[in-house]
């Protein structure tokens, strides 16, 4: 059996070409939408990871200072909150943690306060609360909210930890 070869040389019609272009356009638009969603989500995940890392570093620094402190000056009484933490370490240095314009600062004695939070984040609130139970060493509860920028308050993430002085 022999196959019949196509003998007409008409080529592709304009209608077929327009259909091909329309279908290709829809496919490219879908691919572009998917790629932009992937890029957006990757940026969002990176931002959250950066905020989380900054929060962990801040919490660790302040927790270590509390653990190694000889005394806590402010907040001073049980169940009171303050926006700054003042403590004395075993060397007799006064260490102050405070927040100004979304940046957390650490000040040792009367030296200039040093920023300990990254410029990548905005700390929207920072509070220290003394929690005390009879017969136990008082502990300090640290709460802070972190967001990507000062204007993006809807996405603030809350972090909280409690730490106490070590009995040496």
C-alpha atoms as a PDB file:
ATOM      1  CA  UNK A   1       0.000   0.000   0.000  1.00  0.00           C
ATOM      2  CA  UNK A   2       1.310   3.330  -0.931  1.00  0.00           C
ATOM      3  CA  UNK A   3       0.654   6.445   1.054  1.00  0.00           C
ATOM      4  CA  UNK A   4      -0.605   9.430  -0.746  1.00  0.00           C
ATOM      5  CA  UNK A   5       1.631  12.456  -0.376  1.00  0.00           C
ATOM      6  CA  UNK A   6       0.143  15.833   0.163  1.00  0.00           C
ATOM      7  CA  UNK A   7       0.256  17.593  -3.124  1.00  0.00           C
ATOM      8  CA  UNK A   8      -1.194  20.980  -2.267  1.00  0.00           C
ATOM      9  CA  UNK A   9       1.324  23.678  -1.316  1.00  0.00           C
ATOM     10  CA  UNK A  10      -1.023  26.020   0.470  1.00  0.00           C
ATOM     11  CA  UNK A  11       0.967  26.241   3.753  1.00  0.00           C
ATOM     12  CA  UNK A  12      -0.549  27.576   6.964  1.00  0.00           C
ATOM     13  CA  UNK A  13      -3.632  29.717   6.778  1.00  0.00           C
ATOM     14  CA  UNK A  14      -3.894  33.064   8.563  1.00  0.00           C
ATOM     15  CA  UNK A  15      -6.594  31.615  10.843  1.00  0.00           C
ATOM     16  CA  UNK A  16      -4.293  28.809  11.967  1.00  0.00           C
ATOM     17  CA  UNK A  17      -1.519  31.335  12.626  1.00  0.00           C
ATOM     18  CA  UNK A  18      -3.837  33.558  14.707  1.00  0.00           C
ATOM     19  CA  UNK A  19      -5.004  30.566  16.748  1.00  0.00           C
ATOM     20  CA  UNK A  20      -1.377  29.556  17.353  1.00  0.00           C
ATOM     21  CA  UNK A  21      -0.482  33.092  18.491  1.00  0.00           C
ATOM     22  CA  UNK A  22      -3.531  33.267  20.830  1.00  0.00           C
ATOM     23  CA  UNK A  23      -2.802  29.900  22.436  1.00  0.00           C
ATOM     24  CA  UNK A  24       0.889  30.777  22.819  1.00  0.00           C
ATOM     25  CA  UNK A  25      -0.024  34.110  24.430  1.00  0.00           C
ATOM     26  CA  UNK A  26      -2.278  32.428  27.011  1.00  0.00           C
ATOM     27  CA  UNK A  27       0.445  29.916  27.865  1.00  0.00           C
ATOM     28  CA  UNK A  28       3.098  32.661  28.231  1.00  0.00           C
ATOM     29  CA  UNK A  29       0.796  34.767  30.416  1.00  0.00           C
ATOM     30  CA  UNK A  30       0.179  31.757  32.704  1.00  0.00           C
ATOM     31  CA  UNK A  31       3.909  30.972  32.932  1.00  0.00           C
ATOM     32  CA  UNK A  32       4.689  34.628  33.721  1.00  0.00           C
ATOM     33  CA  UNK A  33       2.035  34.649  36.473  1.00  0.00           C
ATOM     34  CA  UNK A  34       3.427  31.482  38.022  1.00  0.00           C
ATOM     35  CA  UNK A  35       6.996  32.786  37.934  1.00  0.00           C
ATOM     36  CA  UNK A  36       6.023  36.120  39.507  1.00  0.00           C
ATOM     37  CA  UNK A  37       4.168  34.250  42.286  1.00  0.00           C
ATOM     38  CA  UNK A  38       7.246  32.107  42.940  1.00  0.00           C
ATOM     39  CA  UNK A  39       9.500  35.178  43.123  1.00  0.00           C
ATOM     40  CA  UNK A  40       7.036  36.971  45.432  1.00  0.00           C
ATOM     41  CA  UNK A  41       6.779  33.977  47.782  1.00  0.00           C
ATOM     42  CA  UNK A  42      10.560  33.505  47.847  1.00  0.00           C
ATOM     43  CA  UNK A  43      10.992  37.171  48.800  1.00  0.00           C
ATOM     44  CA  UNK A  44       8.370  36.788  51.523  1.00  0.00           C
ATOM     45  CA  UNK A  45      10.031  33.635  52.902  1.00  0.00           C
ATOM     46  CA  UNK A  46      13.435  35.363  52.905  1.00  0.00           C
ATOM     47  CA  UNK A  47      11.977  38.352  54.787  1.00  0.00           C
ATOM     48  CA  UNK A  48      10.361  36.134  57.405  1.00  0.00           C
ATOM     49  CA  UNK A  49      13.595  34.160  57.854  1.00  0.00           C
ATOM     50  CA  UNK A  50      15.592  37.392  58.264  1.00  0.00           C
ATOM     51  CA  UNK A  51      13.101  38.751  60.826  1.00  0.00           C
ATOM     52  CA  UNK A  52      13.125  35.458  62.719  1.00  0.00           C
ATOM     53  CA  UNK A  53      16.925  35.346  62.815  1.00  0.00           C
ATOM     54  CA  UNK A  54      17.092  38.935  64.077  1.00  0.00           C
ATOM     55  CA  UNK A  55      14.519  38.173  66.796  1.00  0.00           C
ATOM     56  CA  UNK A  56      16.442  35.098  67.939  1.00  0.00           C
ATOM     57  CA  UNK A  57      19.703  37.061  68.107  1.00  0.00           C
ATOM     58  CA  UNK A  58      18.064  39.879  70.113  1.00  0.00           C
ATOM     59  CA  UNK A  59      16.394  37.447  72.505  1.00  0.00           C
ATOM     60  CA  UNK A  60      19.620  35.472  72.978  1.00  0.00           C
ATOM     61  CA  UNK A  61      21.680  38.600  73.725  1.00  0.00           C
ATOM     62  CA  UNK A  62      19.193  39.918  76.264  1.00  0.00           C
ATOM     63  CA  UNK A  63      18.618  36.467  77.824  1.00  0.00           C
ATOM     64  CA  UNK A  64      22.353  35.899  78.274  1.00  0.00           C
ATOM     65  CA  UNK A  65      22.679  39.295  79.954  1.00  0.00           C
ATOM     66  CA  UNK A  66      19.831  38.449  82.335  1.00  0.00           C
ATOM     67  CA  UNK A  67      21.343  35.045  83.146  1.00  0.00           C
ATOM     68  CA  UNK A  68      24.763  36.568  83.827  1.00  0.00           C
ATOM     69  CA  UNK A  69      23.490  39.566  85.788  1.00  0.00           C
ATOM     70  CA  UNK A  70      24.074  40.158  89.484  1.00  0.00           C
ATOM     71  CA  UNK A  71      20.877  42.191  89.850  1.00  0.00           C
ATOM     72  CA  UNK A  72      18.028  43.698  87.850  1.00  0.00           C
ATOM     73  CA  UNK A  73      17.324  47.373  88.539  1.00  0.00           C
ATOM     74  CA  UNK A  74      14.373  47.987  86.243  1.00  0.00           C
ATOM     75  CA  UNK A  75      11.713  46.718  86.120  1.00  0.00           C
ATOM     76  CA  UNK A  76      12.085  46.244  89.839  1.00  0.00           C
ATOM     77  CA  UNK A  77       8.909  44.740  91.262  1.00  0.00           C
ATOM     78  CA  UNK A  78       6.889  41.663  90.432  1.00  0.00           C
ATOM     79  CA  UNK A  79       4.261  41.891  87.704  1.00  0.00           C
ATOM     80  CA  UNK A  80       5.453  45.303  86.494  1.00  0.00           C
ATOM     81  CA  UNK A  81       6.380  46.073  82.909  1.00  0.00           C
ATOM     82  CA  UNK A  82       8.875  48.525  81.465  1.00  0.00           C
ATOM     83  CA  UNK A  83      10.088  49.460  77.999  1.00  0.00           C
ATOM     84  CA  UNK A  84      13.710  49.268  79.100  1.00  0.00           C
ATOM     85  CA  UNK A  85      15.737  46.742  81.054  1.00  0.00           C
ATOM     86  CA  UNK A  86      18.466  47.918  83.426  1.00  0.00           C
ATOM     87  CA  UNK A  87      20.704  45.368  85.104  1.00  0.00           C
ATOM     88  CA  UNK A  88      24.118  45.072  86.708  1.00  0.00           C
ATOM     89  CA  UNK A  89      26.484  42.345  85.629  1.00  0.00           C
ATOM     90  CA  UNK A  90      28.975  40.553  87.879  1.00  0.00           C
ATOM     91  CA  UNK A  91      31.681  43.086  86.939  1.00  0.00           C
ATOM     92  CA  UNK A  92      29.572  45.942  88.316  1.00  0.00           C
ATOM     93  CA  UNK A  93      28.714  47.380  84.874  1.00  0.00           C
ATOM     94  CA  UNK A  94      25.221  48.736  84.336  1.00  0.00           C
ATOM     95  CA  UNK A  95      23.679  47.440  81.119  1.00  0.00           C
ATOM     96  CA  UNK A  96      20.559  49.068  79.667  1.00  0.00           C
ATOM     97  CA  UNK A  97      18.410  47.695  76.847  1.00  0.00           C
ATOM     98  CA  UNK A  98      15.933  50.105  75.271  1.00  0.00           C
ATOM     99  CA  UNK A  99      14.097  50.836  72.038  1.00  0.00           C
ATOM    100  CA  UNK A 100      14.148  54.054  70.007  1.00  0.00           C
ATOM    101  CA  UNK A 101      12.564  54.493  66.575  1.00  0.00           C
ATOM    102  CA  UNK A 102      12.261  50.754  66.003  1.00  0.00           C
ATOM    103  CA  UNK A 103      15.871  49.949  66.888  1.00  0.00           C
ATOM    104  CA  UNK A 104      16.962  48.098  70.044  1.00  0.00           C
ATOM    105  CA  UNK A 105      19.985  49.603  71.806  1.00  0.00           C
ATOM    106  CA  UNK A 106      22.394  48.286  74.422  1.00  0.00           C
ATOM    107  CA  UNK A 107      24.211  50.780  76.630  1.00  0.00           C
ATOM    108  CA  UNK A 108      27.000  49.819  79.028  1.00  0.00           C
ATOM    109  CA  UNK A 109      27.483  52.303  81.891  1.00  0.00           C
ATOM    110  CA  UNK A 110      27.544  55.860  80.494  1.00  0.00           C
ATOM    111  CA  UNK A 111      28.979  54.882  77.087  1.00  0.00           C
ATOM    112  CA  UNK A 112      27.134  55.633  73.877  1.00  0.00           C
ATOM    113  CA  UNK A 113      24.284  53.207  73.226  1.00  0.00           C
ATOM    114  CA  UNK A 114      24.993  50.690  70.466  1.00  0.00           C
ATOM    115  CA  UNK A 115      22.297  49.367  68.123  1.00  0.00           C
ATOM    116  CA  UNK A 116      21.929  45.609  68.497  1.00  0.00           C
ATOM    117  CA  UNK A 117      19.053  45.138  66.065  1.00  0.00           C
ATOM    118  CA  UNK A 118      19.520  45.080  62.326  1.00  0.00           C
ATOM    119  CA  UNK A 119      18.463  47.890  60.010  1.00  0.00           C
ATOM    120  CA  UNK A 120      16.556  45.241  58.020  1.00  0.00           C
ATOM    121  CA  UNK A 121      13.841  45.081  60.659  1.00  0.00           C
ATOM    122  CA  UNK A 122      11.651  47.408  62.670  1.00  0.00           C
ATOM    123  CA  UNK A 123      10.953  46.532  66.313  1.00  0.00           C
ATOM    124  CA  UNK A 124       7.482  47.921  66.946  1.00  0.00           C
ATOM    125  CA  UNK A 125       7.332  47.150  70.659  1.00  0.00           C
ATOM    126  CA  UNK A 126       9.640  45.896  73.392  1.00  0.00           C
ATOM    127  CA  UNK A 127       8.559  45.204  76.973  1.00  0.00           C
ATOM    128  CA  UNK A 128      10.191  43.603  79.974  1.00  0.00           C
ATOM    129  CA  UNK A 129       8.040  42.167  82.764  1.00  0.00           C
ATOM    130  CA  UNK A 130       9.199  40.790  86.114  1.00  0.00           C
ATOM    131  CA  UNK A 131       7.566  37.474  86.935  1.00  0.00           C
ATOM    132  CA  UNK A 132       8.053  36.267  90.478  1.00  0.00           C
ATOM    133  CA  UNK A 133       6.965  33.311  92.555  1.00  0.00           C
ATOM    134  CA  UNK A 134       7.604  32.845  96.252  1.00  0.00           C
ATOM    135  CA  UNK A 135      10.941  31.183  96.934  1.00  0.00           C
ATOM    136  CA  UNK A 136      12.153  31.363  93.338  1.00  0.00           C
ATOM    137  CA  UNK A 137      14.553  33.723  91.605  1.00  0.00           C
ATOM    138  CA  UNK A 138      12.497  36.351  89.754  1.00  0.00           C
ATOM    139  CA  UNK A 139      12.469  35.930  85.994  1.00  0.00           C
ATOM    140  CA  UNK A 140      12.199  38.532  83.264  1.00  0.00           C
ATOM    141  CA  UNK A 141       9.722  38.059  80.428  1.00  0.00           C
ATOM    142  CA  UNK A 142      10.859  39.724  77.188  1.00  0.00           C
ATOM    143  CA  UNK A 143       8.254  40.524  74.526  1.00  0.00           C
ATOM    144  CA  UNK A 144       8.903  42.172  71.190  1.00  0.00           C
ATOM    145  CA  UNK A 145       7.177  42.621  67.859  1.00  0.00           C
ATOM    146  CA  UNK A 146       9.205  42.680  64.674  1.00  0.00           C
ATOM    147  CA  UNK A 147       8.131  43.711  61.196  1.00  0.00           C
ATOM    148  CA  UNK A 148       9.843  44.370  57.903  1.00  0.00           C
ATOM    149  CA  UNK A 149       9.356  48.141  57.983  1.00  0.00           C
ATOM    150  CA  UNK A 150       7.799  50.884  60.103  1.00  0.00           C
ATOM    151  CA  UNK A 151       4.909  51.316  57.650  1.00  0.00           C
ATOM    152  CA  UNK A 152       4.009  47.625  57.452  1.00  0.00           C
ATOM    153  CA  UNK A 153       2.400  47.142  60.868  1.00  0.00           C
ATOM    154  CA  UNK A 154      -0.083  44.529  59.652  1.00  0.00           C
ATOM    155  CA  UNK A 155       2.629  41.874  59.412  1.00  0.00           C
ATOM    156  CA  UNK A 156       4.275  42.277  62.824  1.00  0.00           C
ATOM    157  CA  UNK A 157       5.451  38.989  64.345  1.00  0.00           C
ATOM    158  CA  UNK A 158       5.357  38.532  68.121  1.00  0.00           C
ATOM    159  CA  UNK A 159       8.304  36.972  69.970  1.00  0.00           C
ATOM    160  CA  UNK A 160       8.454  36.195  73.661  1.00  0.00           C
ATOM    161  CA  UNK A 161      10.879  34.510  76.055  1.00  0.00           C
ATOM    162  CA  UNK A 162      11.390  34.325  79.801  1.00  0.00           C
ATOM    163  CA  UNK A 163      14.732  34.041  81.530  1.00  0.00           C
ATOM    164  CA  UNK A 164      16.064  34.271  85.075  1.00  0.00           C
ATOM    165  CA  UNK A 165      19.347  35.018  86.758  1.00  0.00           C
ATOM    166  CA  UNK A 166      21.537  32.004  87.409  1.00  0.00           C
ATOM    167  CA  UNK A 167      22.255  31.232  91.020  1.00  0.00           C
ATOM    168  CA  UNK A 168      26.042  31.307  91.243  1.00  0.00           C
END
